[in-house]
Structures are given as C-alpha cells and as structure tokens.
Amino acid sequence: MKIIAIMAKSGVGKSTLIGKLIEEHPNTFHYVRSYTTRAVREEDPNDANTHIFVDEEFWKANQEGAIAVYFSPKGYVSWVDESSFDPDKVNIYAIDPLAASTDLVDWSRGKLDVEVYGLYLKVDENERLSRWTKRHGTTAGFTYEKHLNPDVLEGSDLFYEVLELGSEYRTRGYENIRYRAMSVEDAYDVFKYSIEIIGGLLL
C-alpha cells in the first residue's frame, strides 16, 4: 500500500490539485478523508468532501488505533485510522509536515506492505497573501504558518520532495525580483508528474 503525504500551507492550492488528480484518475488514487470533531467550514465548499464529521463521543469510542491525531487549540480533534486507507490504490493524504514525518512514519514502521512518501507544495508568501485577500476580501486572519514550513521535515525518515509552484524573475530595467505563480493547469501538470515519479506510476 502506497501513501503519498501532500503537505502545504493554506492557499497554495493543495485541495484543488488533489481534487483534479482524483477526478482524473479515480481508479488509481484514493483521497484519505480525516475524521474531525469540528464543524463544517461553510466558507469552504470543498470541506464536506475532504473530512468525515463526527462528534466527541465518536472520538472517545474510536481513539484507540487513531493515527496522526491533531488536537487543535480551538478544541477539536482530527485523525485517521487504518480503515481510512485503501490498500488497492495509491492513497493521497493531505497532512501537515510534522505529523507526516513523525506520526505517519512511526505508524508505518515494521509494516512491510506500507510505503510512505511526501510531496511538499510551495508558493511565495506574497502570492499566498494575495490569494488569501482575494478569497476573504481582507488580509485579516492571514498568518505565515511557520509551523508548516518544509524545514520541519529535515532530518526525518520521510522520503519527500519539495515542489515550487512558481518562479522568481527580474523585471526588465529593474533590480527588484518579482514572483510569477503557475497557472492552475501548469501547476497540475508538474504536480501530476511529481506524483508519478514519487509513486513509481505511469498515468
């Protein structure tokens, strides 16, 4: 069973790229949906498709065997368990880098039939801020999410790659460096290619 941990900060386009991959190759990939005790985020139309919403009683009854448990400062709990994965497909798991490199890797140790890989998606912070502002109409609430930086993966046993979804360039006649984000189509192409390489696949 293969698991590819997809890691990124908010606003990078992780959900969009994963959704397109699953839609295009439903017989190859399985989206790993996390259990969570939080409420559905009404402002996120995709939220109901990426999580399984349960109550505190469900968590208490099923916490044994939980994997990559996240205790939010806001009071909710999110996790997966072994039943969240499909042994017959490549599992695409959106997860934060610390949990991927510790909890997920630790769980997979000694399991000869489980392979875990990681792909970290990255865009420029100013691009993230721009996307946040367009989506929310304000910069309020935006954070740099330093706890989700790829450097938390350094020194871990997780085999991973970092994928830059954009590039820096110099404007003609100016010394300042600008950043050009990829289009959704280009980002998806390089994302899919990276998944093929990491997962040993031919799509």
C-alpha atoms as a PDB file:
ATOM      1  CA  MET A   1       0.000   0.000   0.000  1.00  0.00           C
ATOM      2  CA  LYS A   2       1.362   3.386  -1.009  1.00  0.00           C
ATOM      3  CA  ILE A   3       0.638   6.611   0.855  1.00  0.00           C
ATOM      4  CA  ILE A   4       1.707   9.968  -0.544  1.00  0.00           C
ATOM      5  CA  ALA A   5       1.531  12.723   2.052  1.00  0.00           C
ATOM      6  CA  ILE A   6       0.693  16.058   0.416  1.00  0.00           C
ATOM      7  CA  MET A   7       1.905  18.932   2.575  1.00  0.00           C
ATOM      8  CA  ALA A   8       1.459  22.675   2.116  1.00  0.00           C
ATOM      9  CA  LYS A   9       0.416  25.877   3.787  1.00  0.00           C
ATOM     10  CA  SER A  10      -3.100  27.220   3.259  1.00  0.00           C
ATOM     11  CA  GLY A  11      -3.713  28.993  -0.034  1.00  0.00           C
ATOM     12  CA  VAL A  12      -1.158  27.007  -2.013  1.00  0.00           C
ATOM     13  CA  GLY A  13      -3.792  25.108  -3.995  1.00  0.00           C
ATOM     14  CA  LYS A  14      -3.372  21.696  -2.392  1.00  0.00           C
ATOM     15  CA  SER A  15      -7.076  20.802  -2.374  1.00  0.00           C
ATOM     16  CA  THR A  16      -7.571  21.949  -5.976  1.00  0.00           C
ATOM     17  CA  LEU A  17      -4.678  19.869  -7.286  1.00  0.00           C
ATOM     18  CA  ILE A  18      -5.601  16.782  -5.286  1.00  0.00           C
ATOM     19  CA  GLY A  19      -9.242  17.035  -6.356  1.00  0.00           C
ATOM     20  CA  LYS A  20      -8.276  17.259 -10.026  1.00  0.00           C
ATOM     21  CA  LEU A  21      -5.943  14.264  -9.684  1.00  0.00           C
ATOM     22  CA  ILE A  22      -8.616  12.097  -8.037  1.00  0.00           C
ATOM     23  CA  GLU A  23     -11.244  13.154 -10.568  1.00  0.00           C
ATOM     24  CA  GLU A  24      -8.969  12.328 -13.485  1.00  0.00           C
ATOM     25  CA  HIS A  25      -7.707   9.005 -12.088  1.00  0.00           C
ATOM     26  CA  PRO A  26     -10.379   7.620  -9.718  1.00  0.00           C
ATOM     27  CA  ASN A  27      -9.262   4.020 -10.186  1.00  0.00           C
ATOM     28  CA  THR A  28      -5.660   4.789  -9.253  1.00  0.00           C
ATOM     29  CA  PHE A  29      -5.917   7.200  -6.332  1.00  0.00           C
ATOM     30  CA  HIS A  30      -7.830   7.278  -3.065  1.00  0.00           C
ATOM     31  CA  TYR A  31      -8.342  10.525  -1.150  1.00  0.00           C
ATOM     32  CA  VAL A  32      -7.747   9.960   2.553  1.00  0.00           C
ATOM     33  CA  ARG A  33     -10.508  11.743   4.465  1.00  0.00           C
ATOM     34  CA  SER A  34      -9.736  12.696   8.049  1.00  0.00           C
ATOM     35  CA  TYR A  35     -12.207  12.328  10.885  1.00  0.00           C
ATOM     36  CA  THR A  36     -12.777  15.599  12.709  1.00  0.00           C
ATOM     37  CA  THR A  37     -14.921  16.793  15.588  1.00  0.00           C
ATOM     38  CA  ARG A  38     -15.064  20.371  14.308  1.00  0.00           C
ATOM     39  CA  ALA A  39     -17.985  21.889  12.434  1.00  0.00           C
ATOM     40  CA  VAL A  40     -18.080  22.159   8.653  1.00  0.00           C
ATOM     41  CA  ARG A  41     -16.413  25.325   7.397  1.00  0.00           C
ATOM     42  CA  GLU A  42     -19.241  26.969   5.495  1.00  0.00           C
ATOM     43  CA  GLU A  43     -16.853  29.275   3.626  1.00  0.00           C
ATOM     44  CA  ASP A  44     -15.050  26.240   2.163  1.00  0.00           C
ATOM     45  CA  PRO A  45     -17.290  24.460  -0.377  1.00  0.00           C
ATOM     46  CA  ASN A  46     -14.885  21.507  -0.530  1.00  0.00           C
ATOM     47  CA  ASP A  47     -14.714  20.928   3.221  1.00  0.00           C
ATOM     48  CA  ALA A  48     -17.538  18.396   3.321  1.00  0.00           C
ATOM     49  CA  ASN A  49     -15.753  16.284   0.698  1.00  0.00           C
ATOM     50  CA  THR A  50     -12.395  16.156   2.465  1.00  0.00           C
ATOM     51  CA  HIS A  51     -13.402  15.303   6.032  1.00  0.00           C
ATOM     52  CA  ILE A  52     -15.716  12.977   7.927  1.00  0.00           C
ATOM     53  CA  PHE A  53     -17.519  14.996  10.579  1.00  0.00           C
ATOM     54  CA  VAL A  54     -18.147  13.238  13.878  1.00  0.00           C
ATOM     55  CA  ASP A  55     -18.880  14.151  17.479  1.00  0.00           C
ATOM     56  CA  GLU A  56     -16.814  13.886  20.658  1.00  0.00           C
ATOM     57  CA  GLU A  57     -18.443  10.584  21.577  1.00  0.00           C
ATOM     58  CA  PHE A  58     -17.245   9.048  18.310  1.00  0.00           C
ATOM     59  CA  TRP A  59     -13.708  10.221  19.051  1.00  0.00           C
ATOM     60  CA  LYS A  60     -13.766   8.785  22.565  1.00  0.00           C
ATOM     61  CA  ALA A  61     -15.027   5.450  21.273  1.00  0.00           C
ATOM     62  CA  ASN A  62     -12.510   5.230  18.410  1.00  0.00           C
ATOM     63  CA  GLN A  63      -9.340   6.931  19.645  1.00  0.00           C
ATOM     64  CA  GLU A  64      -7.561   3.619  20.068  1.00  0.00           C
ATOM     65  CA  GLY A  65      -5.843   2.989  16.762  1.00  0.00           C
ATOM     66  CA  ALA A  66      -6.034   6.631  15.707  1.00  0.00           C
ATOM     67  CA  ILE A  67      -3.150   7.836  13.517  1.00  0.00           C
ATOM     68  CA  ALA A  68      -1.738  11.366  13.133  1.00  0.00           C
ATOM     69  CA  VAL A  69      -4.007  12.815  15.809  1.00  0.00           C
ATOM     70  CA  TYR A  70      -4.259  16.602  15.783  1.00  0.00           C
ATOM     71  CA  PHE A  71      -5.532  18.388  18.882  1.00  0.00           C
ATOM     72  CA  SER A  72      -6.484  21.857  17.728  1.00  0.00           C
ATOM     73  CA  PRO A  73      -6.047  24.871  20.030  1.00  0.00           C
ATOM     74  CA  LYS A  74      -9.656  25.573  19.087  1.00  0.00           C
ATOM     75  CA  GLY A  75     -10.738  22.410  20.885  1.00  0.00           C
ATOM     76  CA  TYR A  76     -11.473  19.959  18.089  1.00  0.00           C
ATOM     77  CA  VAL A  77      -9.662  16.731  17.200  1.00  0.00           C
ATOM     78  CA  SER A  78      -8.751  15.397  13.740  1.00  0.00           C
ATOM     79  CA  TRP A  79      -7.266  11.995  12.853  1.00  0.00           C
ATOM     80  CA  VAL A  80      -7.303   8.992  10.556  1.00  0.00           C
ATOM     81  CA  ASP A  81      -7.118   5.271  11.239  1.00  0.00           C
ATOM     82  CA  GLU A  82      -6.112   2.248   9.212  1.00  0.00           C
ATOM     83  CA  SER A  83      -9.558   1.986   7.658  1.00  0.00           C
ATOM     84  CA  SER A  84      -9.030   5.447   6.121  1.00  0.00           C
ATOM     85  CA  PHE A  85      -6.610   3.968   3.578  1.00  0.00           C
ATOM     86  CA  ASP A  86      -7.372   1.874   0.506  1.00  0.00           C
ATOM     87  CA  PRO A  87      -4.857  -0.970   0.117  1.00  0.00           C
ATOM     88  CA  ASP A  88      -5.691  -1.324  -3.581  1.00  0.00           C
ATOM     89  CA  LYS A  89      -4.980   2.287  -4.564  1.00  0.00           C
ATOM     90  CA  VAL A  90      -2.359   4.992  -4.080  1.00  0.00           C
ATOM     91  CA  ASN A  91      -3.528   6.950  -1.058  1.00  0.00           C
ATOM     92  CA  ILE A  92      -3.322  10.746  -1.277  1.00  0.00           C
ATOM     93  CA  TYR A  93      -3.228  12.154   2.232  1.00  0.00           C
ATOM     94  CA  ALA A  94      -3.298  15.917   2.901  1.00  0.00           C
ATOM     95  CA  ILE A  95      -1.448  16.260   6.198  1.00  0.00           C
ATOM     96  CA  ASP A  96       0.797  18.753   7.964  1.00  0.00           C
ATOM     97  CA  PRO A  97       4.551  18.108   7.602  1.00  0.00           C
ATOM     98  CA  LEU A  98       5.249  17.462  11.279  1.00  0.00           C
ATOM     99  CA  ALA A  99       2.553  14.786  11.566  1.00  0.00           C
ATOM    100  CA  ALA A 100       3.659  13.215   8.290  1.00  0.00           C
ATOM    101  CA  SER A 101       7.309  12.981   9.324  1.00  0.00           C
ATOM    102  CA  THR A 102       6.583  11.700  12.834  1.00  0.00           C
ATOM    103  CA  ASP A 103       3.182  10.075  13.430  1.00  0.00           C
ATOM    104  CA  LEU A 104       2.627   8.694   9.923  1.00  0.00           C
ATOM    105  CA  VAL A 105       6.196   7.451   9.533  1.00  0.00           C
ATOM    106  CA  ASP A 106       6.167   5.918  13.030  1.00  0.00           C
ATOM    107  CA  TRP A 107       2.899   4.112  12.295  1.00  0.00           C
ATOM    108  CA  SER A 108       4.315   2.665   9.062  1.00  0.00           C
ATOM    109  CA  ARG A 109       7.491   1.289  10.659  1.00  0.00           C
ATOM    110  CA  GLY A 110       7.631  -2.501  10.525  1.00  0.00           C
ATOM    111  CA  LYS A 111       4.710  -2.674   8.077  1.00  0.00           C
ATOM    112  CA  LEU A 112       6.310  -4.306   5.058  1.00  0.00           C
ATOM    113  CA  ASP A 113       3.234  -3.660   2.915  1.00  0.00           C
ATOM    114  CA  VAL A 114       3.168   0.115   3.580  1.00  0.00           C
ATOM    115  CA  GLU A 115       5.256   2.701   1.727  1.00  0.00           C
ATOM    116  CA  VAL A 116       5.074   6.373   2.741  1.00  0.00           C
ATOM    117  CA  TYR A 117       6.313   9.250   0.597  1.00  0.00           C
ATOM    118  CA  GLY A 118       5.917  13.008   0.854  1.00  0.00           C
ATOM    119  CA  LEU A 119       5.385  15.920  -1.522  1.00  0.00           C
ATOM    120  CA  TYR A 120       5.584  19.453  -0.146  1.00  0.00           C
ATOM    121  CA  LEU A 121       3.896  22.145  -2.288  1.00  0.00           C
ATOM    122  CA  LYS A 122       5.273  25.646  -2.042  1.00  0.00           C
ATOM    123  CA  VAL A 123       4.444  29.134  -3.347  1.00  0.00           C
ATOM    124  CA  ASP A 124       5.844  32.548  -2.491  1.00  0.00           C
ATOM    125  CA  GLU A 125       4.436  34.071   0.720  1.00  0.00           C
ATOM    126  CA  ASN A 126       3.299  37.214  -1.103  1.00  0.00           C
ATOM    127  CA  GLU A 127       1.391  35.013  -3.535  1.00  0.00           C
ATOM    128  CA  ARG A 128      -0.262  33.243  -0.592  1.00  0.00           C
ATOM    129  CA  LEU A 129      -1.242  36.611   0.881  1.00  0.00           C
ATOM    130  CA  SER A 130      -2.675  37.732  -2.458  1.00  0.00           C
ATOM    131  CA  ARG A 131      -4.762  34.556  -2.754  1.00  0.00           C
ATOM    132  CA  TRP A 132      -5.963  34.905   0.838  1.00  0.00           C
ATOM    133  CA  THR A 133      -7.036  38.506   0.222  1.00  0.00           C
ATOM    134  CA  LYS A 134      -8.913  37.598  -2.965  1.00  0.00           C
ATOM    135  CA  ARG A 135     -10.705  34.759  -1.207  1.00  0.00           C
ATOM    136  CA  HIS A 136     -11.584  36.550   2.030  1.00  0.00           C
ATOM    137  CA  GLY A 137     -11.706  40.151   0.897  1.00  0.00           C
ATOM    138  CA  THR A 138      -9.266  41.153   3.629  1.00  0.00           C
ATOM    139  CA  THR A 139      -5.797  40.364   4.944  1.00  0.00           C
ATOM    140  CA  ALA A 140      -7.248  39.777   8.424  1.00  0.00           C
ATOM    141  CA  GLY A 141      -6.570  36.270   9.669  1.00  0.00           C
ATOM    142  CA  PHE A 142      -3.629  35.623   7.363  1.00  0.00           C
ATOM    143  CA  THR A 143      -0.591  34.059   9.031  1.00  0.00           C
ATOM    144  CA  TYR A 144       2.751  32.848   7.734  1.00  0.00           C
ATOM    145  CA  GLU A 145       2.117  29.402   9.294  1.00  0.00           C
ATOM    146  CA  LYS A 146       5.760  28.872  10.212  1.00  0.00           C
ATOM    147  CA  HIS A 147       4.845  25.556  11.850  1.00  0.00           C
ATOM    148  CA  LEU A 148       4.071  24.290   8.337  1.00  0.00           C
ATOM    149  CA  ASN A 149       7.426  25.253   6.815  1.00  0.00           C
ATOM    150  CA  PRO A 150       9.224  22.435   4.961  1.00  0.00           C
ATOM    151  CA  ASP A 151      12.240  22.708   7.262  1.00  0.00           C
ATOM    152  CA  VAL A 152      10.364  20.653   9.871  1.00  0.00           C
ATOM    153  CA  LEU A 153      10.931  17.699   7.536  1.00  0.00           C
ATOM    154  CA  GLU A 154      14.707  17.986   7.619  1.00  0.00           C
ATOM    155  CA  GLY A 155      16.390  15.058   9.345  1.00  0.00           C
ATOM    156  CA  SER A 156      13.225  12.943   9.348  1.00  0.00           C
ATOM    157  CA  ASP A 157      12.912   9.450   7.880  1.00  0.00           C
ATOM    158  CA  LEU A 158      10.232  10.599   5.445  1.00  0.00           C
ATOM    159  CA  PHE A 159      11.308  10.445   1.800  1.00  0.00           C
ATOM    160  CA  TYR A 160       9.964  13.675   0.331  1.00  0.00           C
ATOM    161  CA  GLU A 161      10.332  16.233  -2.449  1.00  0.00           C
ATOM    162  CA  VAL A 162       9.603  19.972  -2.429  1.00  0.00           C
ATOM    163  CA  LEU A 163       7.674  21.262  -5.444  1.00  0.00           C
ATOM    164  CA  GLU A 164       7.838  25.003  -6.212  1.00  0.00           C
ATOM    165  CA  LEU A 165       4.613  26.115  -7.906  1.00  0.00           C
ATOM    166  CA  GLY A 166       6.092  29.316  -9.284  1.00  0.00           C
ATOM    167  CA  SER A 167       9.353  31.058 -10.069  1.00  0.00           C
ATOM    168  CA  GLU A 168      11.244  34.276  -9.399  1.00  0.00           C
ATOM    169  CA  TYR A 169      12.201  36.660 -12.190  1.00  0.00           C
ATOM    170  CA  ARG A 170      13.677  40.131 -12.627  1.00  0.00           C
ATOM    171  CA  THR A 171      11.613  42.777 -14.389  1.00  0.00           C
ATOM    172  CA  ARG A 172      13.381  44.467 -17.310  1.00  0.00           C
ATOM    173  CA  GLY A 173      15.192  47.599 -16.193  1.00  0.00           C
ATOM    174  CA  TYR A 174      14.631  46.915 -12.511  1.00  0.00           C
ATOM    175  CA  GLU A 175      16.718  45.173  -9.896  1.00  0.00           C
ATOM    176  CA  ASN A 176      13.771  44.043  -7.798  1.00  0.00           C
ATOM    177  CA  ILE A 177      12.808  40.408  -8.018  1.00  0.00           C
ATOM    178  CA  ARG A 178       9.199  39.519  -8.825  1.00  0.00           C
ATOM    179  CA  TYR A 179       7.384  36.218  -8.401  1.00  0.00           C
ATOM    180  CA  ARG A 180       5.312  34.514 -11.080  1.00  0.00           C
ATOM    181  CA  ALA A 181       2.854  31.864  -9.899  1.00  0.00           C
ATOM    182  CA  MET A 182       1.978  28.978 -12.173  1.00  0.00           C
ATOM    183  CA  SER A 183      -1.437  28.726 -13.741  1.00  0.00           C
ATOM    184  CA  VAL A 184      -3.676  26.010 -12.342  1.00  0.00           C
ATOM    185  CA  GLU A 185      -3.102  23.971 -15.494  1.00  0.00           C
ATOM    186  CA  ASP A 186       0.696  24.217 -15.296  1.00  0.00           C
ATOM    187  CA  ALA A 187       0.692  23.577 -11.556  1.00  0.00           C
ATOM    188  CA  TYR A 188      -1.419  20.479 -12.081  1.00  0.00           C
ATOM    189  CA  ASP A 189       0.909  19.175 -14.797  1.00  0.00           C
ATOM    190  CA  VAL A 190       4.022  19.413 -12.601  1.00  0.00           C
ATOM    191  CA  PHE A 191       2.069  18.123  -9.602  1.00  0.00           C
ATOM    192  CA  LYS A 192       0.887  15.057 -11.517  1.00  0.00           C
ATOM    193  CA  TYR A 193       4.375  14.448 -12.887  1.00  0.00           C
ATOM    194  CA  SER A 194       5.820  14.618  -9.359  1.00  0.00           C
ATOM    195  CA  ILE A 195       3.222  12.127  -8.141  1.00  0.00           C
ATOM    196  CA  GLU A 196       4.201   9.785 -10.983  1.00  0.00           C
ATOM    197  CA  ILE A 197       7.895   9.991 -10.041  1.00  0.00           C
ATOM    198  CA  ILE A 198       7.385   9.627  -6.306  1.00  0.00           C
ATOM    199  CA  GLY A 199       4.815   6.861  -6.606  1.00  0.00           C
ATOM    200  CA  GLY A 200       6.540   4.983  -9.429  1.00  0.00           C
ATOM    201  CA  LEU A 201       3.468   5.397 -11.623  1.00  0.00           C
ATOM    202  CA  LEU A 202       2.679   5.940 -15.294  1.00  0.00           C
ATOM    203  CA  LEU A 203      -0.516   7.986 -15.627  1.00  0.00           C
END
